[in-house]
Protein backbone atom coordinates (compact mmCIF):
# COMPACT_ATOMS: atom_id res chain seq x y z
CA MET A 1 29.80 -150.00 115.54
CA GLY A 2 28.43 -152.14 118.56
CA ASP A 3 25.20 -151.99 120.05
CA VAL A 4 24.28 -148.88 121.81
CA MET A 5 23.70 -148.77 125.27
CA VAL A 6 20.14 -147.47 126.49
CA ARG A 7 19.47 -147.08 130.12
CA VAL A 8 15.87 -146.24 131.16
CA GLN A 9 15.32 -144.16 134.42
CA GLN A 10 11.75 -143.07 135.71
CA THR A 11 11.21 -139.61 136.41
CA PRO A 12 9.10 -137.58 139.15
CA ASN A 13 6.50 -137.32 136.29
CA PRO A 14 4.61 -140.47 136.00
CA ASN A 15 3.95 -139.41 132.28
CA SER A 16 7.47 -138.97 131.30
CA ILE A 17 10.37 -141.43 131.16
CA LEU A 18 14.13 -140.79 130.69
CA PHE A 19 16.29 -142.96 128.42
CA HIS A 20 20.11 -142.41 128.92
CA VAL A 21 22.00 -143.22 125.65
CA ASP A 22 25.90 -143.91 125.29
CA GLN A 23 25.80 -141.91 121.99
CA THR A 24 25.51 -138.10 121.16
CA VAL A 25 21.52 -137.59 120.69
CA THR A 26 22.07 -133.90 119.87
CA GLU A 27 25.14 -131.44 119.65
CA GLU A 28 22.71 -128.81 121.05
CA ARG A 29 22.10 -128.17 124.77
CA MET A 30 18.46 -129.24 124.40
CA GLN A 31 15.95 -129.71 121.69
CA GLN A 32 12.08 -129.95 122.28
CA PHE A 33 9.55 -131.45 120.06
CA ASN A 34 5.64 -131.36 120.73
CA SER A 35 4.52 -132.77 117.76
CA LEU A 36 5.58 -134.83 114.65
CA GLU A 37 5.62 -131.56 112.56
CA GLU A 38 7.74 -129.99 115.02
CA ALA A 39 10.15 -133.16 114.44
CA GLU A 40 10.52 -132.57 110.92
CA GLY A 41 14.25 -133.14 110.08
CA ALA A 42 14.87 -135.01 113.25
CA PRO A 43 14.59 -138.82 112.38
CA LEU A 44 14.78 -140.08 115.78
CA ALA A 45 12.30 -137.65 117.24
CA GLN A 46 10.21 -138.61 114.13
CA ALA A 47 10.39 -142.32 114.89
CA LEU A 48 9.43 -141.77 118.63
CA PHE A 49 6.29 -139.77 117.70
CA GLY A 50 5.46 -142.95 115.54
CA ILE A 51 4.78 -144.63 118.72
CA ALA A 52 1.28 -144.39 119.65
CA ASN A 53 0.46 -141.92 122.79
CA VAL A 54 3.93 -140.26 122.63
CA GLU A 55 3.13 -136.63 123.11
CA SER A 56 6.58 -135.03 123.35
CA VAL A 57 10.29 -135.59 122.79
CA PHE A 58 13.04 -133.63 124.70
CA PHE A 59 16.56 -134.41 123.51
CA MET A 60 19.56 -133.36 125.68
CA PRO A 61 23.38 -134.32 124.37
CA THR A 62 23.12 -137.66 125.69
CA SER A 63 19.48 -138.44 127.05
CA ILE A 64 16.21 -138.30 125.82
CA THR A 65 12.85 -137.61 127.67
CA VAL A 66 9.50 -139.09 126.11
CA SER A 67 6.22 -137.95 127.56
CA LYS A 68 3.23 -139.84 126.94
CA SER A 69 -0.60 -139.12 126.83
CA ALA A 70 -2.54 -140.03 129.88
CA GLY A 71 -4.05 -143.02 128.28
CA GLY A 72 -0.61 -144.33 127.22
CA GLU A 73 0.94 -147.37 128.83
CA TRP A 74 4.89 -147.55 129.51
CA GLY A 75 4.96 -151.36 129.21
CA VAL A 76 4.15 -150.72 125.49
CA ILE A 77 5.86 -147.32 124.93
CA THR A 78 9.27 -148.09 126.75
CA PRO A 79 10.10 -151.14 124.59
CA ALA A 80 9.09 -149.54 121.38
CA ALA A 81 11.08 -146.29 122.15
CA GLU A 82 14.11 -148.29 123.08
CA GLU A 83 14.06 -150.05 119.86
CA ALA A 84 13.69 -146.72 117.93
CA ILE A 85 16.68 -145.36 119.62
CA ARG A 86 18.83 -148.57 119.20
CA SER A 87 17.64 -148.57 115.22
CA HIS A 88 18.72 -144.99 115.01
CA PHE A 89 22.02 -145.37 116.24
CA ALA A 90 22.51 -148.65 114.03
CA THR A 91 22.26 -146.93 110.83
């Protein structure tokens, strides 16, 4: 399996960013996780909550919206989230 393609897109909400993935993120129409506890059983969501200041994670079939707390910096969160996504699909 080759590298996963991840494309980052800004959203109208400055506290959320969208990651388009060329792999299936979820078989469901959507899944939302608002805490690490809610993400139990969802390894990718758990990995994203492992990034400081990630507040919620929203899965759609081929995309992920990550929302941050007001104090979070996209310059730190975005590359860490991209790495978490790539690592998840590499395994």
